[in-house]
């Protein structure tokens, strides 16, 4: 990025070099030295996929067959480059060292890892929930899969195990409090801890206002909001135990866009988004709480509607990204919010919707 030094300012490369030189030890002019260490402690020659020498000490991932190696760069060129002596150390993902004049950090992708963590995902049998469970497993987490249909969550749990992670399938009706209690207990009993909770179960069919009964309205609230409230309360003692818990609530863009015939669903999801913000300060800093308002994602429910080619065309044309969302689009955002990469983010509601600012299509409703 271009930068013009003002009056009395040092040139940007000088300021940068000073900011990243806590040791102040000059070295001879030479190229950065790359050292690698295999698991057996013997040096190896890696094939570097990418290496950015933009900090005093920079760790990089090396693709060298089945074994990933750590890389230490010694004598990094900073700014326009007076090489400096660097400590040989590879910080852990959460081990960024902040000082008055320097930051020593790890390679950014390592902050997205969830190795040694346990995640619980509701609605994990299909769609966004299943995609999220697999994404968290690929990031290194063991996963408890919850949904009403046992066959669905068994299939997801099996896919988690195929990725080398542990999994447990717990048939659960999230509208039943005793089921939620049993779910948390089973997760901790089988997997040993709980670090990430994804409240994904939810949904409701569209229905015009005057055709929505009191019972249906309250049931929508129970399914989409109350269940997440209760499960979060049950999970918090376990999430807080290690000081880095994360709750991710899957809300909907219906919460923040006016859409006819969705009064029950929109109200419930708006409550879920607000609940996210209200919970966050009470649970910080040990547990972070965030939400994702999801746009038109091609789950089984929406796929039924999109069988009509004209409806699909209209949805795609009215979405700035010109396509329908995929469950993996949401799962990727969940991984960010579940991981140390978002360690300074709480009480926020993210929109993952292809860029829409108005409903891409509306459901017909009778005039008054």
Protein backbone atom coordinates (compact mmCIF):
# COMPACT_ATOMS: atom_id res chain seq x y z
CA UNK A 1 0.00 0.00 0.00
CA UNK A 2 1.44 3.37 -0.97
CA UNK A 3 2.25 5.76 1.87
CA UNK A 4 3.58 9.31 1.79
CA UNK A 5 5.76 10.27 4.73
CA UNK A 6 4.68 13.60 6.20
CA UNK A 7 6.80 16.36 7.68
CA UNK A 8 8.75 15.09 10.68
CA UNK A 9 7.95 11.44 9.92
CA UNK A 10 10.52 8.78 9.26
CA UNK A 11 10.24 6.99 5.92
CA UNK A 12 7.83 4.09 6.29
CA UNK A 13 10.49 1.41 5.85
CA UNK A 14 12.53 2.84 8.72
CA UNK A 15 9.56 2.94 11.07
CA UNK A 16 8.65 -0.62 10.10
CA UNK A 17 12.16 -1.89 10.66
CA UNK A 18 12.36 -0.30 14.08
CA UNK A 19 8.93 -1.58 15.09
CA UNK A 20 9.92 -5.16 14.33
CA UNK A 21 13.43 -5.12 15.82
CA UNK A 22 13.16 -5.70 19.58
CA UNK A 23 16.63 -7.23 19.76
CA UNK A 24 18.50 -4.54 17.81
CA UNK A 25 21.19 -6.97 16.66
CA UNK A 26 22.63 -6.23 13.24
CA UNK A 27 23.72 -9.12 11.03
CA UNK A 28 25.73 -9.45 7.89
CA UNK A 29 23.96 -8.87 4.60
CA UNK A 30 22.66 -12.29 3.64
CA UNK A 31 19.51 -14.01 2.43
CA UNK A 32 17.11 -15.44 5.02
CA UNK A 33 18.15 -18.87 6.24
CA UNK A 34 15.45 -21.52 6.26
CA UNK A 35 15.79 -24.33 8.78
CA UNK A 36 13.43 -27.26 9.07
CA UNK A 37 12.99 -29.91 11.67
CA UNK A 38 11.27 -33.23 11.06
CA UNK A 39 9.46 -35.12 13.77
CA UNK A 40 12.56 -37.23 14.40
CA UNK A 41 14.66 -34.10 14.96
CA UNK A 42 16.73 -34.51 11.78
CA UNK A 43 17.00 -31.65 9.24
CA UNK A 44 15.12 -32.13 5.98
CA UNK A 45 14.80 -30.22 2.74
CA UNK A 46 11.19 -29.08 2.37
CA UNK A 47 9.13 -27.92 -0.57
CA UNK A 48 7.76 -24.57 0.53
CA UNK A 49 4.25 -23.80 -0.66
CA UNK A 50 4.39 -20.24 0.64
CA UNK A 51 6.64 -18.24 2.93
CA UNK A 52 6.04 -14.63 3.86
CA UNK A 53 8.93 -13.06 5.69
CA UNK A 54 6.98 -10.10 6.98
CA UNK A 55 7.65 -10.45 10.71
CA UNK A 56 10.65 -10.95 12.93
CA UNK A 57 9.89 -14.64 13.31
CA UNK A 58 7.56 -16.32 10.83
CA UNK A 59 6.36 -19.90 10.95
CA UNK A 60 5.20 -21.53 7.73
CA UNK A 61 3.53 -24.80 6.79
CA UNK A 62 5.60 -27.06 4.61
CA UNK A 63 4.10 -29.64 2.28
CA UNK A 64 6.57 -32.52 2.33
CA UNK A 65 4.46 -35.60 1.92
CA UNK A 66 2.49 -36.97 4.85
CA UNK A 67 4.46 -35.03 7.46
CA UNK A 68 4.00 -31.29 7.93
CA UNK A 69 7.13 -29.50 9.09
CA UNK A 70 7.73 -26.32 11.01
CA UNK A 71 9.91 -23.69 9.35
CA UNK A 72 11.94 -21.05 11.14
CA UNK A 73 13.27 -18.06 9.22
CA UNK A 74 16.49 -16.60 10.57
CA UNK A 75 17.73 -13.21 9.41
CA UNK A 76 14.43 -11.91 8.02
CA UNK A 77 14.55 -8.91 5.70
CA UNK A 78 12.24 -6.27 7.13
CA UNK A 79 10.96 -3.26 5.20
CA UNK A 80 13.56 -2.36 2.61
CA UNK A 81 15.69 -4.70 4.47
CA UNK A 82 18.44 -4.61 6.94
CA UNK A 83 18.52 -8.31 7.93
CA UNK A 84 18.27 -8.92 11.66
CA UNK A 85 19.07 -11.83 13.90
CA UNK A 86 15.88 -13.67 14.82
CA UNK A 87 15.18 -16.01 17.65
CA UNK A 88 14.65 -19.62 16.67
CA UNK A 89 11.16 -20.29 17.96
CA UNK A 90 7.91 -21.45 16.50
CA UNK A 91 5.03 -19.93 18.53
CA UNK A 92 1.84 -21.87 19.03
CA UNK A 93 -1.36 -20.64 17.35
CA UNK A 94 -2.49 -18.74 20.47
CA UNK A 95 1.01 -17.59 21.37
CA UNK A 96 1.24 -14.22 19.64
CA UNK A 97 3.57 -12.15 21.82
CA UNK A 98 2.61 -8.49 21.95
CA UNK A 99 5.24 -6.00 23.04
CA UNK A 100 5.48 -2.25 22.98
CA UNK A 101 7.62 -2.33 19.87
CA UNK A 102 7.02 -5.69 18.22
CA UNK A 103 4.66 -8.56 17.56
CA UNK A 104 5.92 -12.12 17.16
CA UNK A 105 3.24 -14.21 15.53
CA UNK A 106 2.58 -17.53 13.86
CA UNK A 107 1.44 -18.14 10.33
CA UNK A 108 -2.16 -16.97 10.09
CA UNK A 109 -3.67 -20.27 8.88
CA UNK A 110 -2.57 -21.99 12.09
CA UNK A 111 -4.97 -19.72 13.99
CA UNK A 112 -7.87 -21.40 12.19
CA UNK A 113 -6.96 -24.82 13.61
CA UNK A 114 -9.12 -26.54 16.23
CA UNK A 115 -6.81 -29.39 17.19
CA UNK A 116 -7.67 -30.85 20.59
CA UNK A 117 -11.07 -29.09 20.68
CA UNK A 118 -14.55 -30.61 20.87
CA UNK A 119 -17.52 -29.12 19.01
CA UNK A 120 -21.23 -29.80 19.37
CA UNK A 121 -23.42 -29.13 16.34
CA UNK A 122 -27.22 -29.29 16.37
CA UNK A 123 -29.13 -30.02 13.19
CA UNK A 124 -26.03 -31.92 12.09
CA UNK A 125 -27.84 -34.53 10.01
CA UNK A 126 -28.11 -32.55 6.79
CA UNK A 127 -27.47 -29.24 5.10
CA UNK A 128 -25.61 -26.49 6.94
CA UNK A 129 -25.29 -28.57 10.10
CA UNK A 130 -23.69 -31.55 8.36
CA UNK A 131 -21.34 -29.30 6.37
CA UNK A 132 -20.37 -27.50 9.58
CA UNK A 133 -19.64 -30.73 11.44
CA UNK A 134 -17.33 -31.90 8.65
CA UNK A 135 -15.62 -28.52 8.34
CA UNK A 136 -14.90 -28.42 12.07
CA UNK A 137 -13.51 -31.96 11.85
CA UNK A 138 -11.26 -30.95 8.98
CA UNK A 139 -10.01 -28.08 11.17
CA UNK A 140 -9.03 -30.64 13.82
CA UNK A 141 -12.03 -30.83 16.18
CA UNK A 142 -13.84 -33.88 17.48
CA UNK A 143 -17.57 -33.48 16.91
CA UNK A 144 -20.82 -34.36 18.66
CA UNK A 145 -23.61 -34.54 16.08
CA UNK A 146 -27.19 -33.89 17.19
CA UNK A 147 -30.49 -34.07 15.32
CA UNK A 148 -33.81 -35.90 15.55
CA UNK A 149 -33.11 -38.49 12.84
CA UNK A 150 -30.55 -41.04 14.06
CA UNK A 151 -29.65 -42.30 10.58
CA UNK A 152 -28.74 -38.78 9.42
CA UNK A 153 -26.40 -37.98 12.30
CA UNK A 154 -24.84 -41.44 12.17
CA UNK A 155 -23.94 -40.71 8.55
CA UNK A 156 -22.41 -37.36 9.50
CA UNK A 157 -20.53 -38.89 12.44
CA UNK A 158 -19.13 -41.59 10.16
CA UNK A 159 -17.87 -38.91 7.76
CA UNK A 160 -16.20 -37.12 10.68
CA UNK A 161 -14.40 -40.34 11.63
CA UNK A 162 -13.26 -40.78 8.03
CA UNK A 163 -11.47 -37.46 8.46
CA UNK A 164 -9.50 -38.86 11.37
CA UNK A 165 -11.51 -37.28 14.19
CA UNK A 166 -13.67 -38.74 16.94
CA UNK A 167 -17.43 -38.35 16.71
CA UNK A 168 -20.56 -39.20 18.66
CA UNK A 169 -24.12 -39.18 17.30
CA UNK A 170 -26.78 -38.17 19.83
CA UNK A 171 -30.42 -38.26 18.68
CA UNK A 172 -31.92 -35.03 20.02
CA UNK A 173 -35.14 -33.03 19.82
CA UNK A 174 -33.91 -29.54 20.68
CA UNK A 175 -37.39 -28.48 21.81
CA UNK A 176 -37.21 -30.98 24.70
CA UNK A 177 -35.16 -29.76 27.66
CA UNK A 178 -34.26 -33.23 28.93
CA UNK A 179 -32.89 -34.07 25.47
CA UNK A 180 -30.63 -31.01 25.66
CA UNK A 181 -29.38 -32.02 29.09
CA UNK A 182 -28.63 -35.52 27.84
CA UNK A 183 -26.87 -34.11 24.76
CA UNK A 184 -24.40 -32.02 26.75
CA UNK A 185 -23.76 -34.87 29.18
CA UNK A 186 -23.14 -37.35 26.34
CA UNK A 187 -20.77 -34.96 24.57
CA UNK A 188 -18.60 -34.43 27.64
CA UNK A 189 -18.76 -38.09 28.65
CA UNK A 190 -17.82 -39.45 25.23
CA UNK A 191 -15.41 -36.75 24.00
CA UNK A 192 -14.02 -35.43 27.27
CA UNK A 193 -14.75 -31.69 27.00
CA UNK A 194 -16.73 -29.06 25.11
CA UNK A 195 -15.19 -26.00 23.41
CA UNK A 196 -17.51 -25.03 20.57
CA UNK A 197 -21.31 -24.98 20.41
CA UNK A 198 -23.08 -24.43 17.09
CA UNK A 199 -26.81 -23.78 17.54
CA UNK A 200 -27.84 -24.64 14.00
CA UNK A 201 -31.17 -26.47 14.44
CA UNK A 202 -34.08 -24.28 13.40
CA UNK A 203 -36.38 -23.23 10.59
CA UNK A 204 -40.08 -22.68 9.94
CA UNK A 205 -42.37 -22.74 6.93
CA UNK A 206 -43.70 -19.45 5.57
CA UNK A 207 -47.28 -18.59 6.45
CA UNK A 208 -49.24 -15.34 6.12
CA UNK A 209 -49.76 -13.38 9.32
CA UNK A 210 -53.52 -13.95 9.64
CA UNK A 211 -53.07 -17.67 9.07
CA UNK A 212 -50.43 -18.02 11.81
CA UNK A 213 -51.89 -19.42 15.01
CA UNK A 214 -50.77 -18.61 18.54
CA UNK A 215 -49.53 -22.17 18.92
CA UNK A 216 -47.51 -22.03 15.68
CA UNK A 217 -45.96 -18.68 16.60
CA UNK A 218 -44.86 -19.91 20.01
CA UNK A 219 -43.56 -23.17 18.52
CA UNK A 220 -41.39 -21.19 16.09
CA UNK A 221 -39.88 -19.30 19.01
CA UNK A 222 -39.26 -22.51 20.92
CA UNK A 223 -37.55 -24.21 17.98
CA UNK A 224 -35.39 -21.29 16.87
CA UNK A 225 -34.65 -19.28 20.02
CA UNK A 226 -35.56 -20.98 23.29
CA UNK A 227 -33.72 -24.17 22.35
CA UNK A 228 -30.52 -22.20 21.66
CA UNK A 229 -30.97 -20.26 24.91
CA UNK A 230 -31.32 -23.43 26.99
CA UNK A 231 -28.54 -25.37 25.28
CA UNK A 232 -26.12 -22.46 25.63
CA UNK A 233 -26.87 -22.20 29.36
CA UNK A 234 -26.23 -25.92 29.77
CA UNK A 235 -23.00 -25.76 27.78
CA UNK A 236 -21.45 -22.62 29.32
CA UNK A 237 -19.80 -24.29 32.35
CA UNK A 238 -17.96 -26.64 30.00
CA UNK A 239 -17.21 -23.96 27.38
CA UNK A 240 -15.72 -21.70 30.04
CA UNK A 241 -13.61 -24.42 31.65
CA UNK A 242 -10.63 -23.84 29.35
CA UNK A 243 -11.19 -20.11 28.85
CA UNK A 244 -11.59 -20.21 25.06
CA UNK A 245 -15.18 -21.31 24.46
CA UNK A 246 -17.18 -20.25 21.41
CA UNK A 247 -20.91 -20.25 20.65
CA UNK A 248 -22.05 -19.75 17.05
CA UNK A 249 -25.77 -19.24 16.46
CA UNK A 250 -27.10 -19.81 12.96
CA UNK A 251 -29.65 -17.08 12.32
CA UNK A 252 -31.19 -15.87 9.06
CA UNK A 253 -31.29 -12.75 6.91
CA UNK A 254 -35.04 -12.94 7.51
CA UNK A 255 -34.14 -11.46 10.90
CA UNK A 256 -33.03 -8.17 9.35
CA UNK A 257 -34.96 -7.94 6.05
CA UNK A 258 -38.72 -7.48 5.76
CA UNK A 259 -40.18 -10.51 4.05
CA UNK A 260 -43.95 -11.14 3.85
CA UNK A 261 -45.34 -14.44 5.12
CA UNK A 262 -42.42 -15.03 7.49
CA UNK A 263 -43.71 -13.29 10.61
CA UNK A 264 -43.09 -16.24 12.95
CA UNK A 265 -39.74 -17.26 11.48
CA UNK A 266 -38.43 -13.71 11.07
CA UNK A 267 -39.39 -12.78 14.62
CA UNK A 268 -37.72 -15.89 16.01
CA UNK A 269 -34.49 -15.35 14.08
CA UNK A 270 -34.42 -11.66 14.99
CA UNK A 271 -34.67 -12.72 18.62
CA UNK A 272 -31.81 -15.19 18.11
CA UNK A 273 -29.59 -12.48 16.62
CA UNK A 274 -30.37 -10.10 19.48
CA UNK A 275 -29.91 -12.83 22.05
CA UNK A 276 -26.43 -13.37 20.64
CA UNK A 277 -25.52 -9.75 21.25
CA UNK A 278 -27.08 -9.72 24.73
CA UNK A 279 -25.29 -12.89 25.88
CA UNK A 280 -21.83 -11.88 24.70
CA UNK A 281 -20.79 -9.35 27.37
CA UNK A 282 -21.98 -11.59 30.21
CA UNK A 283 -19.93 -14.56 28.99
CA UNK A 284 -16.79 -12.71 27.88
CA UNK A 285 -13.88 -13.20 28.00
CA UNK A 286 -14.04 -16.94 28.66
CA UNK A 287 -16.79 -17.64 26.10
CA UNK A 288 -17.38 -15.74 22.85
CA UNK A 289 -20.88 -15.62 21.31
CA UNK A 290 -21.48 -14.71 17.67
CA UNK A 291 -24.14 -15.37 15.05
CA UNK A 292 -24.39 -15.79 11.29
CA UNK A 293 -27.43 -14.50 9.44
CA UNK A 294 -27.67 -16.83 6.45
CA UNK A 295 -29.12 -15.98 3.05
CA UNK A 296 -30.53 -18.33 0.41
CA UNK A 297 -28.55 -21.56 0.91
CA UNK A 298 -29.43 -24.65 -1.11
CA UNK A 299 -30.39 -26.99 1.69
CA UNK A 300 -33.02 -29.70 1.22
CA UNK A 301 -35.79 -27.25 2.12
CA UNK A 302 -34.80 -24.60 -0.42
CA UNK A 303 -33.96 -27.20 -3.04
CA UNK A 304 -37.64 -28.08 -3.19
CA UNK A 305 -38.43 -24.49 -4.20
CA UNK A 306 -35.52 -24.21 -6.61
CA UNK A 307 -36.74 -27.10 -8.71
CA UNK A 308 -38.71 -24.44 -10.53
CA UNK A 309 -36.16 -23.06 -12.99
CA UNK A 310 -37.73 -19.60 -13.05
CA UNK A 311 -37.50 -19.29 -9.27
CA UNK A 312 -33.85 -20.30 -9.34
CA UNK A 313 -33.10 -17.84 -12.12
CA UNK A 314 -34.80 -15.01 -10.24
CA UNK A 315 -32.96 -15.84 -7.00
CA UNK A 316 -29.59 -15.92 -8.76
CA UNK A 317 -30.23 -12.68 -10.66
CA UNK A 318 -31.25 -10.86 -7.48
CA UNK A 319 -28.17 -12.04 -5.59
CA UNK A 320 -25.07 -9.88 -6.25
CA UNK A 321 -22.82 -12.97 -6.25
CA UNK A 322 -25.12 -14.47 -8.93
CA UNK A 323 -25.48 -17.87 -7.33
CA UNK A 324 -27.36 -19.69 -4.61
CA UNK A 325 -25.43 -20.28 -1.41
CA UNK A 326 -23.89 -23.63 -0.51
CA UNK A 327 -23.75 -25.11 3.01
CA UNK A 328 -19.95 -24.92 2.86
CA UNK A 329 -20.20 -21.13 2.51
CA UNK A 330 -21.72 -21.00 5.99
CA UNK A 331 -19.51 -23.77 7.42
CA UNK A 332 -16.40 -21.77 6.51
CA UNK A 333 -17.69 -18.77 8.46
CA UNK A 334 -18.49 -21.03 11.42
CA UNK A 335 -14.91 -22.31 11.43
CA UNK A 336 -13.62 -18.75 11.63
CA UNK A 337 -15.90 -17.87 14.54
CA UNK A 338 -15.11 -21.13 16.35
CA UNK A 339 -11.35 -20.78 16.03
CA UNK A 340 -8.66 -18.64 17.68
CA UNK A 341 -8.60 -16.60 14.45
CA UNK A 342 -11.66 -14.74 15.78
CA UNK A 343 -10.32 -14.50 19.32
CA UNK A 344 -11.15 -10.76 19.54
CA UNK A 345 -14.65 -11.10 18.10
CA UNK A 346 -17.77 -11.48 20.24
CA UNK A 347 -21.34 -10.22 20.22
CA UNK A 348 -21.33 -9.82 16.43
CA UNK A 349 -23.83 -10.91 13.80
CA UNK A 350 -22.24 -11.78 10.47
CA UNK A 351 -24.18 -11.82 7.19
CA UNK A 352 -23.32 -14.66 4.81
CA UNK A 353 -25.80 -14.10 2.01
CA UNK A 354 -24.17 -13.47 -1.37
CA UNK A 355 -24.49 -9.71 -0.87
CA UNK A 356 -28.28 -9.34 -0.78
CA UNK A 357 -29.84 -6.27 0.84
CA UNK A 358 -33.45 -7.12 -0.01
CA UNK A 359 -35.31 -10.44 -0.38
CA UNK A 360 -34.29 -12.15 -3.60
CA UNK A 361 -37.87 -13.34 -4.03
CA UNK A 362 -41.09 -13.15 -2.00
CA UNK A 363 -43.74 -15.68 -1.08
CA UNK A 364 -47.25 -14.78 -2.34
CA UNK A 365 -49.71 -13.75 0.34
CA UNK A 366 -53.42 -12.79 0.19
CA UNK A 367 -54.30 -9.09 0.27
CA UNK A 368 -56.21 -7.85 3.30
